Amino acid sequence: MKTGNLYILSAPSGAGKSSLLQALLPELSGIQLSVSHTTRDPRPGEESGIHYNFTTIDDFQQGIEAGEFLEHAQVFDNFYGTSEIWVRDTLQSGVDVVLEIDWQGARSIRQQIPESISIFILPPSQSALRERLKHRGQDSSEIIERRMRDAMNEMSHYDEYNYLLINNDFEQAREALKTIFLAERLKTPQQQMHHQSLLQALIQ
């Protein structure tokens, strides 16, 4: 049976990874975005189970102790984690999974699932990144500057990834990301699983 590909997508806050995925995923079948667990408060318009699985710090820590997370990390003052059972069950069903996680989580995932495919998205400049964060209108200037400092650290790990995209032009970046997803499905091992009967018939 065909198993799904696991994609890791990382970027500094404000680089546009969530917007790219929201625009692209409806165009592709057989691919699903993992919904992370988090202890942070919902932002305006966010719904539990759709954007994140919102939980308490106590429940999250119990999940850590029970080994429920494929990866987990503390970002700013909150915790984020990925359900291991959900990811592995979804991949086994033949559906591709996309994880939006930071570089630390990506390292952990690659150690546990070496065949995962990692993609890093960068902004065209530091000034562009700062402007995008300001235009959100959700954070104070102090939080924006803290996000910028953390972004510098995050961006320094771009070379640990299989693919690197620069989100200067949104449509070009979206098409480039789509190309990666489609090309990975055309690799020989994936095609062998998907077209096993056809390939056997062709070479008999």
N, C-alpha and C. Protein backbone atom coordinates (compact mmCIF):
# COMPACT_ATOMS: atom_id res chain seq x y z
N MET A 1 0.85 -1.20 0.00
CA MET A 1 0.00 0.00 0.00
C MET A 1 0.88 1.25 0.00
N LYS A 2 0.47 2.24 -0.75
CA LYS A 2 1.21 3.49 -0.82
C LYS A 2 1.14 4.22 0.52
N THR A 3 2.30 4.62 1.03
CA THR A 3 2.33 5.44 2.24
C THR A 3 2.58 6.89 1.87
N GLY A 4 2.14 7.79 2.73
CA GLY A 4 2.29 9.21 2.43
C GLY A 4 3.68 9.72 2.71
N ASN A 5 3.99 10.88 2.14
CA ASN A 5 5.23 11.58 2.43
C ASN A 5 5.03 12.50 3.62
N LEU A 6 6.06 12.63 4.44
CA LEU A 6 6.02 13.56 5.56
C LEU A 6 6.86 14.78 5.20
N TYR A 7 6.23 15.95 5.18
CA TYR A 7 6.91 17.21 4.86
C TYR A 7 7.08 18.05 6.11
N ILE A 8 8.26 18.61 6.25
CA ILE A 8 8.55 19.55 7.33
C ILE A 8 8.69 20.93 6.70
N LEU A 9 7.90 21.87 7.17
CA LEU A 9 7.95 23.23 6.63
C LEU A 9 8.29 24.19 7.76
N SER A 10 9.42 24.88 7.62
CA SER A 10 9.87 25.82 8.65
C SER A 10 10.13 27.19 8.04
N ALA A 11 9.99 28.21 8.87
CA ALA A 11 10.23 29.59 8.44
C ALA A 11 10.17 30.48 9.66
N PRO A 12 10.82 31.62 9.62
CA PRO A 12 10.62 32.57 10.72
C PRO A 12 9.21 33.12 10.69
N SER A 13 8.71 33.51 11.85
CA SER A 13 7.37 34.11 11.93
C SER A 13 7.29 35.32 11.02
N GLY A 14 6.28 35.34 10.13
CA GLY A 14 6.11 36.45 9.20
C GLY A 14 6.64 36.18 7.81
N ALA A 15 7.28 35.03 7.58
CA ALA A 15 7.83 34.73 6.25
C ALA A 15 6.76 34.28 5.27
N GLY A 16 5.59 33.90 5.78
CA GLY A 16 4.48 33.58 4.88
C GLY A 16 4.17 32.11 4.69
N LYS A 17 4.74 31.23 5.52
CA LYS A 17 4.52 29.81 5.28
C LYS A 17 3.05 29.40 5.44
N SER A 18 2.37 29.95 6.43
CA SER A 18 0.96 29.59 6.63
C SER A 18 0.09 30.09 5.48
N SER A 19 0.36 31.29 5.00
CA SER A 19 -0.40 31.83 3.87
C SER A 19 -0.17 31.01 2.61
N LEU A 20 1.06 30.58 2.39
CA LEU A 20 1.37 29.76 1.22
C LEU A 20 0.63 28.43 1.28
N LEU A 21 0.63 27.81 2.44
CA LEU A 21 -0.06 26.53 2.58
C LEU A 21 -1.57 26.69 2.41
N GLN A 22 -2.14 27.74 2.98
CA GLN A 22 -3.57 27.97 2.86
C GLN A 22 -3.99 28.17 1.40
N ALA A 23 -3.11 28.79 0.61
CA ALA A 23 -3.42 29.01 -0.80
C ALA A 23 -3.20 27.76 -1.64
N LEU A 24 -2.26 26.91 -1.23
CA LEU A 24 -1.86 25.78 -2.06
C LEU A 24 -2.61 24.49 -1.76
N LEU A 25 -2.81 24.16 -0.50
CA LEU A 25 -3.35 22.85 -0.16
C LEU A 25 -4.70 22.53 -0.79
N PRO A 26 -5.61 23.52 -0.96
CA PRO A 26 -6.88 23.18 -1.63
C PRO A 26 -6.70 22.72 -3.07
N GLU A 27 -5.54 23.01 -3.68
CA GLU A 27 -5.30 22.60 -5.07
C GLU A 27 -4.78 21.16 -5.17
N LEU A 28 -4.36 20.58 -4.04
CA LEU A 28 -3.74 19.26 -4.06
C LEU A 28 -4.61 18.27 -3.30
N SER A 29 -4.73 17.06 -3.84
CA SER A 29 -5.44 16.00 -3.13
C SER A 29 -4.44 15.13 -2.37
N GLY A 30 -4.94 14.42 -1.38
CA GLY A 30 -4.08 13.48 -0.66
C GLY A 30 -3.01 14.11 0.18
N ILE A 31 -3.24 15.31 0.68
CA ILE A 31 -2.25 15.97 1.53
C ILE A 31 -3.00 16.72 2.63
N GLN A 32 -2.47 16.66 3.84
CA GLN A 32 -3.17 17.24 4.98
C GLN A 32 -2.17 17.94 5.90
N LEU A 33 -2.58 19.08 6.41
CA LEU A 33 -1.77 19.84 7.35
C LEU A 33 -1.98 19.30 8.76
N SER A 34 -0.89 18.99 9.44
CA SER A 34 -0.99 18.55 10.82
C SER A 34 -1.45 19.71 11.71
N VAL A 35 -2.36 19.42 12.63
CA VAL A 35 -2.84 20.44 13.56
C VAL A 35 -2.10 20.24 14.88
N SER A 36 -1.22 21.17 15.20
CA SER A 36 -0.39 21.05 16.40
C SER A 36 -1.19 21.31 17.66
N HIS A 37 -0.70 20.76 18.76
CA HIS A 37 -1.23 21.10 20.08
C HIS A 37 -0.44 22.30 20.61
N THR A 38 -1.12 23.22 21.27
CA THR A 38 -0.43 24.38 21.83
C THR A 38 -1.12 24.85 23.10
N THR A 39 -0.32 25.48 23.96
CA THR A 39 -0.86 26.05 25.20
C THR A 39 -1.12 27.54 25.08
N ARG A 40 -0.83 28.14 23.91
CA ARG A 40 -1.07 29.57 23.79
C ARG A 40 -2.54 29.85 23.58
N ASP A 41 -2.95 31.09 23.86
CA ASP A 41 -4.34 31.49 23.68
C ASP A 41 -4.66 31.64 22.20
N PRO A 42 -5.89 31.33 21.81
CA PRO A 42 -6.28 31.50 20.40
C PRO A 42 -6.23 32.97 20.00
N ARG A 43 -5.79 33.23 18.76
CA ARG A 43 -5.85 34.57 18.20
C ARG A 43 -7.23 34.78 17.58
N PRO A 44 -7.60 36.03 17.30
CA PRO A 44 -8.92 36.29 16.71
C PRO A 44 -9.14 35.46 15.44
N GLY A 45 -10.26 34.75 15.40
CA GLY A 45 -10.60 33.95 14.23
C GLY A 45 -10.11 32.52 14.26
N GLU A 46 -9.25 32.17 15.22
CA GLU A 46 -8.72 30.81 15.29
C GLU A 46 -9.71 29.90 16.03
N GLU A 47 -9.80 28.64 15.54
CA GLU A 47 -10.69 27.66 16.14
C GLU A 47 -9.90 26.42 16.53
N SER A 48 -10.23 25.87 17.70
CA SER A 48 -9.57 24.65 18.16
C SER A 48 -9.93 23.49 17.26
N GLY A 49 -8.93 22.69 16.91
CA GLY A 49 -9.13 21.55 16.03
C GLY A 49 -8.95 21.89 14.57
N ILE A 50 -8.93 23.18 14.23
CA ILE A 50 -8.74 23.61 12.85
C ILE A 50 -7.37 24.29 12.70
N HIS A 51 -7.14 25.30 13.50
CA HIS A 51 -5.86 26.01 13.43
C HIS A 51 -4.84 25.37 14.38
N TYR A 52 -5.27 25.09 15.58
CA TYR A 52 -4.46 24.38 16.58
C TYR A 52 -5.40 23.58 17.46
N ASN A 53 -4.84 22.60 18.17
CA ASN A 53 -5.55 21.96 19.26
C ASN A 53 -5.13 22.68 20.53
N PHE A 54 -5.96 23.60 20.99
CA PHE A 54 -5.61 24.41 22.15
C PHE A 54 -5.81 23.60 23.43
N THR A 55 -4.81 23.65 24.31
CA THR A 55 -4.85 22.85 25.52
C THR A 55 -4.20 23.62 26.66
N THR A 56 -4.26 23.06 27.86
CA THR A 56 -3.65 23.70 29.02
C THR A 56 -2.21 23.21 29.20
N ILE A 57 -1.45 23.95 29.98
CA ILE A 57 -0.07 23.55 30.26
C ILE A 57 -0.05 22.20 30.98
N ASP A 58 -0.96 22.00 31.95
CA ASP A 58 -0.99 20.73 32.68
C ASP A 58 -1.27 19.55 31.75
N ASP A 59 -2.27 19.69 30.88
CA ASP A 59 -2.59 18.60 29.95
C ASP A 59 -1.45 18.36 28.97
N PHE A 60 -0.79 19.44 28.53
CA PHE A 60 0.32 19.29 27.60
C PHE A 60 1.47 18.52 28.27
N GLN A 61 1.79 18.88 29.49
CA GLN A 61 2.87 18.21 30.20
C GLN A 61 2.56 16.74 30.46
N GLN A 62 1.28 16.44 30.70
CA GLN A 62 0.89 15.04 30.84
C GLN A 62 1.10 14.28 29.53
N GLY A 63 0.84 14.96 28.41
CA GLY A 63 1.09 14.35 27.11
C GLY A 63 2.56 14.07 26.88
N ILE A 64 3.42 14.98 27.31
CA ILE A 64 4.86 14.76 27.20
C ILE A 64 5.27 13.52 27.98
N GLU A 65 4.78 13.43 29.23
CA GLU A 65 5.13 12.29 30.08
C GLU A 65 4.62 10.98 29.51
N ALA A 66 3.50 11.03 28.81
CA ALA A 66 2.93 9.81 28.22
C ALA A 66 3.54 9.47 26.87
N GLY A 67 4.45 10.31 26.38
CA GLY A 67 5.10 10.05 25.09
C GLY A 67 4.19 10.21 23.90
N GLU A 68 3.23 11.13 24.00
CA GLU A 68 2.24 11.29 22.93
C GLU A 68 2.73 12.15 21.77
N PHE A 69 3.83 12.87 21.96
CA PHE A 69 4.26 13.83 20.95
C PHE A 69 5.46 13.33 20.16
N LEU A 70 5.36 13.49 18.84
CA LEU A 70 6.48 13.18 17.96
C LEU A 70 7.60 14.18 18.17
N GLU A 71 7.21 15.41 18.42
CA GLU A 71 8.15 16.47 18.79
C GLU A 71 7.37 17.50 19.59
N HIS A 72 8.09 18.21 20.46
CA HIS A 72 7.47 19.29 21.21
C HIS A 72 8.55 20.30 21.58
N ALA A 73 8.13 21.53 21.74
CA ALA A 73 9.10 22.59 22.04
C ALA A 73 8.40 23.74 22.72
N GLN A 74 9.19 24.54 23.41
CA GLN A 74 8.69 25.77 23.99
C GLN A 74 9.10 26.93 23.10
N VAL A 75 8.14 27.70 22.64
CA VAL A 75 8.38 28.86 21.78
C VAL A 75 7.82 30.08 22.49
N PHE A 76 8.69 31.05 22.77
CA PHE A 76 8.30 32.18 23.61
C PHE A 76 7.83 31.62 24.96
N ASP A 77 6.61 31.90 25.36
CA ASP A 77 6.13 31.44 26.66
C ASP A 77 5.14 30.28 26.55
N ASN A 78 5.07 29.66 25.37
CA ASN A 78 4.08 28.62 25.15
C ASN A 78 4.71 27.34 24.64
N PHE A 79 3.94 26.25 24.75
CA PHE A 79 4.39 24.94 24.29
C PHE A 79 3.64 24.55 23.02
N TYR A 80 4.35 23.85 22.13
CA TYR A 80 3.77 23.34 20.89
C TYR A 80 4.19 21.88 20.73
N GLY A 81 3.32 21.04 20.17
CA GLY A 81 3.68 19.64 19.98
C GLY A 81 2.88 19.00 18.87
N THR A 82 3.43 17.90 18.33
CA THR A 82 2.81 17.16 17.22
C THR A 82 2.45 15.76 17.68
N SER A 83 1.20 15.37 17.50
CA SER A 83 0.73 14.05 17.90
C SER A 83 1.37 12.96 17.04
N GLU A 84 2.10 12.04 17.68
CA GLU A 84 2.78 10.97 16.93
C GLU A 84 1.79 9.98 16.34
N ILE A 85 0.79 9.59 17.11
CA ILE A 85 -0.19 8.62 16.62
C ILE A 85 -0.91 9.14 15.38
N TRP A 86 -1.33 10.41 15.42
CA TRP A 86 -2.06 10.97 14.28
C TRP A 86 -1.18 11.01 13.03
N VAL A 87 0.07 11.45 13.18
CA VAL A 87 0.96 11.56 12.02
C VAL A 87 1.20 10.19 11.39
N ARG A 88 1.56 9.21 12.21
CA ARG A 88 1.89 7.89 11.66
C ARG A 88 0.67 7.20 11.06
N ASP A 89 -0.49 7.35 11.69
CA ASP A 89 -1.71 6.74 11.14
C ASP A 89 -2.09 7.39 9.81
N THR A 90 -1.93 8.70 9.72
CA THR A 90 -2.27 9.41 8.48
C THR A 90 -1.33 9.00 7.35
N LEU A 91 -0.03 8.90 7.63
CA LEU A 91 0.93 8.47 6.62
C LEU A 91 0.63 7.05 6.16
N GLN A 92 0.30 6.17 7.09
CA GLN A 92 0.00 4.79 6.74
C GLN A 92 -1.23 4.68 5.86
N SER A 93 -2.15 5.64 5.96
CA SER A 93 -3.36 5.63 5.14
C SER A 93 -3.09 6.11 3.72
N GLY A 94 -1.84 6.54 3.44
CA GLY A 94 -1.48 6.99 2.10
C GLY A 94 -1.59 8.48 1.89
N VAL A 95 -1.87 9.22 2.92
CA VAL A 95 -2.03 10.67 2.82
C VAL A 95 -0.73 11.37 3.23
N ASP A 96 -0.32 12.37 2.44
CA ASP A 96 0.85 13.17 2.79
C ASP A 96 0.51 14.07 3.98
N VAL A 97 1.51 14.32 4.82
CA VAL A 97 1.32 15.17 6.00
C VAL A 97 2.33 16.31 5.96
N VAL A 98 1.87 17.52 6.26
CA VAL A 98 2.76 18.68 6.34
C VAL A 98 2.82 19.15 7.79
N LEU A 99 4.02 19.27 8.31
CA LEU A 99 4.23 19.79 9.66
C LEU A 99 4.80 21.20 9.58
N GLU A 100 4.16 22.16 10.23
CA GLU A 100 4.70 23.51 10.36
C GLU A 100 5.41 23.59 11.72
N ILE A 101 6.72 23.45 11.73
CA ILE A 101 7.46 23.42 12.98
C ILE A 101 8.76 24.21 12.84
N ASP A 102 9.40 24.52 13.98
CA ASP A 102 10.64 25.27 13.94
C ASP A 102 11.82 24.33 13.70
N TRP A 103 13.02 24.90 13.63
CA TRP A 103 14.20 24.10 13.28
C TRP A 103 14.51 23.03 14.32
N GLN A 104 14.20 23.31 15.59
CA GLN A 104 14.46 22.31 16.63
C GLN A 104 13.54 21.11 16.47
N GLY A 105 12.26 21.39 16.22
CA GLY A 105 11.32 20.31 15.96
C GLY A 105 11.69 19.53 14.71
N ALA A 106 12.17 20.25 13.70
CA ALA A 106 12.57 19.60 12.45
C ALA A 106 13.71 18.61 12.69
N ARG A 107 14.66 19.01 13.51
CA ARG A 107 15.77 18.11 13.84
C ARG A 107 15.27 16.84 14.50
N SER A 108 14.35 17.01 15.43
CA SER A 108 13.80 15.85 16.14
C SER A 108 13.06 14.92 15.18
N ILE A 109 12.27 15.49 14.28
CA ILE A 109 11.52 14.69 13.32
C ILE A 109 12.47 13.93 12.40
N ARG A 110 13.50 14.60 11.91
CA ARG A 110 14.44 13.94 10.98
C ARG A 110 15.16 12.78 11.65
N GLN A 111 15.43 12.88 12.94
CA GLN A 111 16.06 11.78 13.65
C GLN A 111 15.14 10.57 13.76
N GLN A 112 13.85 10.83 13.93
CA GLN A 112 12.89 9.73 14.09
C GLN A 112 12.37 9.22 12.76
N ILE A 113 12.24 10.12 11.77
CA ILE A 113 11.71 9.75 10.45
C ILE A 113 12.68 10.33 9.41
N PRO A 114 13.79 9.65 9.15
CA PRO A 114 14.83 10.19 8.26
C PRO A 114 14.36 10.46 6.84
N GLU A 115 13.32 9.76 6.39
CA GLU A 115 12.84 9.95 5.03
C GLU A 115 11.96 11.18 4.87
N SER A 116 11.73 11.92 5.93
CA SER A 116 10.93 13.14 5.84
C SER A 116 11.60 14.16 4.91
N ILE A 117 10.79 15.00 4.31
CA ILE A 117 11.24 15.98 3.31
C ILE A 117 11.11 17.36 3.92
N SER A 118 12.21 18.09 4.02
CA SER A 118 12.18 19.37 4.74
C SER A 118 12.34 20.56 3.80
N ILE A 119 11.56 21.60 4.07
CA ILE A 119 11.52 22.80 3.24
C ILE A 119 11.64 24.02 4.15
N PHE A 120 12.52 24.95 3.80
CA PHE A 120 12.66 26.18 4.58
C PHE A 120 12.27 27.37 3.71
N ILE A 121 11.50 28.29 4.30
CA ILE A 121 11.06 29.49 3.58
C ILE A 121 11.67 30.72 4.22
N LEU A 122 12.30 31.55 3.40
CA LEU A 122 12.94 32.78 3.87
C LEU A 122 12.23 34.01 3.29
N PRO A 123 12.23 35.11 4.03
CA PRO A 123 11.73 36.37 3.48
C PRO A 123 12.80 36.99 2.58
N PRO A 124 12.45 37.97 1.74
CA PRO A 124 13.45 38.57 0.85
C PRO A 124 14.45 39.47 1.58
N SER A 125 14.11 39.94 2.79
CA SER A 125 15.01 40.81 3.56
C SER A 125 14.52 40.91 4.99
N GLN A 126 15.40 41.40 5.88
CA GLN A 126 14.99 41.61 7.26
C GLN A 126 13.93 42.71 7.36
N SER A 127 14.09 43.76 6.56
CA SER A 127 13.13 44.86 6.61
C SER A 127 11.75 44.40 6.16
N ALA A 128 11.70 43.55 5.14
CA ALA A 128 10.42 43.02 4.67
C ALA A 128 9.76 42.17 5.75
N LEU A 129 10.57 41.40 6.45
CA LEU A 129 10.04 40.56 7.53
C LEU A 129 9.47 41.42 8.64
N ARG A 130 10.17 42.47 9.03
CA ARG A 130 9.69 43.36 10.10
C ARG A 130 8.36 44.02 9.69
N GLU A 131 8.28 44.45 8.43
CA GLU A 131 7.05 45.09 7.96
C GLU A 131 5.87 44.11 7.97
N ARG A 132 6.12 42.88 7.59
CA ARG A 132 5.04 41.89 7.61
C ARG A 132 4.54 41.66 9.03
N LEU A 133 5.45 41.62 9.99
CA LEU A 133 5.05 41.43 11.38
C LEU A 133 4.24 42.63 11.88
N LYS A 134 4.65 43.83 11.48
CA LYS A 134 3.92 45.03 11.90
C LYS A 134 2.52 45.06 11.31
N HIS A 135 2.40 44.65 10.05
CA HIS A 135 1.11 44.74 9.36
C HIS A 135 0.08 43.75 9.90
N ARG A 136 0.53 42.75 10.66
CA ARG A 136 -0.42 41.83 11.28
C ARG A 136 -1.33 42.57 12.27
N GLY A 137 -0.77 43.58 12.93
CA GLY A 137 -1.53 44.36 13.90
C GLY A 137 -1.94 43.59 15.14
N GLN A 138 -1.21 42.49 15.43
CA GLN A 138 -1.59 41.65 16.56
C GLN A 138 -0.62 41.75 17.73
N ASP A 139 0.59 42.25 17.49
CA ASP A 139 1.64 42.23 18.51
C ASP A 139 2.15 43.63 18.81
N SER A 140 2.62 43.82 20.02
CA SER A 140 3.23 45.09 20.41
C SER A 140 4.60 45.21 19.78
N SER A 141 5.17 46.40 19.82
CA SER A 141 6.50 46.61 19.24
C SER A 141 7.56 45.77 19.95
N GLU A 142 7.39 45.58 21.26
CA GLU A 142 8.34 44.76 22.01
C GLU A 142 8.30 43.31 21.54
N ILE A 143 7.09 42.78 21.33
CA ILE A 143 6.96 41.40 20.86
C ILE A 143 7.50 41.27 19.45
N ILE A 144 7.27 42.27 18.61
CA ILE A 144 7.79 42.23 17.24
C ILE A 144 9.31 42.16 17.25
N GLU A 145 9.95 42.96 18.09
CA GLU A 145 11.42 42.94 18.15
C GLU A 145 11.92 41.60 18.69
N ARG A 146 11.18 41.01 19.64
CA ARG A 146 11.57 39.70 20.13
C ARG A 146 11.43 38.66 19.03
N ARG A 147 10.36 38.77 18.24
CA ARG A 147 10.18 37.85 17.12
C ARG A 147 11.29 38.02 16.08
N MET A 148 11.73 39.24 15.88
CA MET A 148 12.82 39.48 14.94
C MET A 148 14.12 38.83 15.42
N ARG A 149 14.40 38.93 16.71
CA ARG A 149 15.61 38.29 17.24
C ARG A 149 15.54 36.78 17.09
N ASP A 150 14.36 36.21 17.38
CA ASP A 150 14.21 34.77 17.23
C ASP A 150 14.25 34.37 15.76
N ALA A 151 13.77 35.25 14.88
CA ALA A 151 13.80 34.96 13.45
C ALA A 151 15.23 34.83 12.94
N MET A 152 16.11 35.68 13.45
CA MET A 152 17.52 35.60 13.05
C MET A 152 18.11 34.25 13.39
N ASN A 153 17.79 33.75 14.58
CA ASN A 153 18.27 32.43 14.99
C ASN A 153 17.66 31.34 14.12
N GLU A 154 16.35 31.44 13.89
CA GLU A 154 15.66 30.44 13.07
C GLU A 154 16.25 30.38 11.66
N MET A 155 16.47 31.55 11.06
CA MET A 155 16.96 31.60 9.67
C MET A 155 18.37 31.06 9.52
N SER A 156 19.14 31.07 10.59
CA SER A 156 20.52 30.57 10.50
C SER A 156 20.59 29.07 10.27
N HIS A 157 19.46 28.37 10.38
CA HIS A 157 19.44 26.91 10.22
C HIS A 157 18.88 26.48 8.86
N TYR A 158 18.77 27.41 7.92
CA TYR A 158 18.17 27.08 6.62
C TYR A 158 18.90 25.96 5.90
N ASP A 159 20.23 25.86 6.12
CA ASP A 159 21.02 24.90 5.35
C ASP A 159 20.87 23.46 5.85
N GLU A 160 20.03 23.24 6.85
CA GLU A 160 19.76 21.88 7.32
C GLU A 160 18.60 21.23 6.55
N TYR A 161 18.02 21.97 5.62
CA TYR A 161 16.80 21.52 4.94
C TYR A 161 17.09 21.06 3.51
N ASN A 162 16.18 20.22 2.98
CA ASN A 162 16.33 19.71 1.61
C ASN A 162 16.06 20.77 0.56
N TYR A 163 15.09 21.65 0.83
CA TYR A 163 14.69 22.67 -0.13
C TYR A 163 14.68 24.04 0.54
N LEU A 164 14.98 25.07 -0.27
CA LEU A 164 14.99 26.45 0.23
C LEU A 164 14.21 27.33 -0.74
N LEU A 165 13.18 28.03 -0.19
CA LEU A 165 12.37 28.94 -1.00
C LEU A 165 12.50 30.36 -0.44
N ILE A 166 12.59 31.35 -1.34
CA ILE A 166 12.58 32.75 -0.95
C ILE A 166 11.20 33.31 -1.30
N ASN A 167 10.46 33.74 -0.30
CA ASN A 167 9.09 34.25 -0.54
C ASN A 167 9.16 35.75 -0.80
N ASN A 168 9.59 36.09 -2.01
CA ASN A 168 9.60 37.49 -2.45
C ASN A 168 8.32 37.79 -3.21
N ASP A 169 8.02 36.96 -4.20
CA ASP A 169 6.77 37.05 -4.94
C ASP A 169 5.89 35.87 -4.51
N PHE A 170 4.70 36.16 -3.96
CA PHE A 170 3.86 35.13 -3.35
C PHE A 170 3.49 34.04 -4.35
N GLU A 171 3.05 34.42 -5.55
CA GLU A 171 2.60 33.43 -6.52
C GLU A 171 3.74 32.54 -6.99
N GLN A 172 4.91 33.12 -7.18
CA GLN A 172 6.06 32.31 -7.57
C GLN A 172 6.44 31.33 -6.46
N ALA A 173 6.40 31.80 -5.22
CA ALA A 173 6.72 30.92 -4.09
C ALA A 173 5.70 29.80 -3.97
N ARG A 174 4.43 30.12 -4.20
CA ARG A 174 3.39 29.10 -4.14
C ARG A 174 3.59 28.03 -5.21
N GLU A 175 3.91 28.46 -6.42
CA GLU A 175 4.15 27.50 -7.50
C GLU A 175 5.39 26.65 -7.22
N ALA A 176 6.41 27.26 -6.65
CA ALA A 176 7.63 26.51 -6.33
C ALA A 176 7.34 25.45 -5.27
N LEU A 177 6.55 25.81 -4.27
CA LEU A 177 6.19 24.85 -3.23
C LEU A 177 5.35 23.72 -3.80
N LYS A 178 4.43 24.05 -4.69
CA LYS A 178 3.61 23.03 -5.35
C LYS A 178 4.47 22.08 -6.16
N THR A 179 5.47 22.62 -6.83
CA THR A 179 6.38 21.80 -7.63
C THR A 179 7.10 20.77 -6.78
N ILE A 180 7.51 21.17 -5.57
CA ILE A 180 8.19 20.24 -4.67
C ILE A 180 7.27 19.08 -4.31
N PHE A 181 6.04 19.40 -3.91
CA PHE A 181 5.10 18.35 -3.54
C PHE A 181 4.85 17.38 -4.69
N LEU A 182 4.64 17.92 -5.89
CA LEU A 182 4.35 17.06 -7.05
C LEU A 182 5.56 16.24 -7.45
N ALA A 183 6.75 16.84 -7.44
CA ALA A 183 7.96 16.13 -7.85
C ALA A 183 8.26 14.97 -6.90
N GLU A 184 8.04 15.18 -5.60
CA GLU A 184 8.31 14.11 -4.64
C GLU A 184 7.41 12.91 -4.89
N ARG A 185 6.20 13.15 -5.35
CA ARG A 185 5.28 12.04 -5.64
C ARG A 185 5.71 11.25 -6.87
N LEU A 186 6.52 11.87 -7.74
CA LEU A 186 6.94 11.21 -8.97
C LEU A 186 8.25 10.44 -8.82
N LYS A 187 8.85 10.47 -7.64
CA LYS A 187 10.07 9.69 -7.43
C LYS A 187 9.76 8.21 -7.57
N THR A 188 10.74 7.47 -8.06
CA THR A 188 10.52 6.06 -8.38
C THR A 188 9.95 5.23 -7.23
N PRO A 189 10.46 5.32 -6.00
CA PRO A 189 9.86 4.51 -4.93
C PRO A 189 8.38 4.81 -4.71
N GLN A 190 7.99 6.09 -4.81
CA GLN A 190 6.58 6.45 -4.66
C GLN A 190 5.74 5.88 -5.81
N GLN A 191 6.27 5.98 -7.03
CA GLN A 191 5.55 5.47 -8.19
C GLN A 191 5.44 3.95 -8.15
N GLN A 192 6.47 3.30 -7.62
CA GLN A 192 6.42 1.83 -7.51
C GLN A 192 5.30 1.39 -6.59
N MET A 193 5.09 2.10 -5.50
CA MET A 193 4.02 1.75 -4.58
C MET A 193 2.65 2.07 -5.17
N HIS A 194 2.57 3.19 -5.87
CA HIS A 194 1.28 3.66 -6.38
C HIS A 194 0.83 2.88 -7.62
N HIS A 195 1.79 2.45 -8.44
CA HIS A 195 1.45 1.79 -9.71
C HIS A 195 2.01 0.38 -9.77
N GLN A 196 1.98 -0.33 -8.65
CA GLN A 196 2.59 -1.65 -8.57
C GLN A 196 2.02 -2.62 -9.61
N SER A 197 0.71 -2.67 -9.75
CA SER A 197 0.09 -3.62 -10.68
C SER A 197 0.45 -3.27 -12.13
N LEU A 198 0.42 -1.98 -12.46
CA LEU A 198 0.75 -1.55 -13.82
C LEU A 198 2.20 -1.90 -14.16
N LEU A 199 3.11 -1.64 -13.26
CA LEU A 199 4.52 -1.89 -13.53
C LEU A 199 4.78 -3.39 -13.71
N GLN A 200 4.12 -4.21 -12.89
CA GLN A 200 4.30 -5.66 -13.05
C GLN A 200 3.78 -6.13 -14.40
N ALA A 201 2.65 -5.57 -14.82
CA ALA A 201 2.07 -5.95 -16.11
C ALA A 201 2.94 -5.51 -17.28
N LEU A 202 3.58 -4.36 -17.15
CA LEU A 202 4.39 -3.82 -18.25
C LEU A 202 5.66 -4.62 -18.50
N ILE A 203 6.24 -5.19 -17.45
CA ILE A 203 7.55 -5.84 -17.61
C ILE A 203 7.47 -7.36 -17.63
N GLN A 204 6.26 -7.92 -17.58
CA GLN A 204 6.13 -9.36 -17.65
C GLN A 204 6.30 -9.85 -19.09
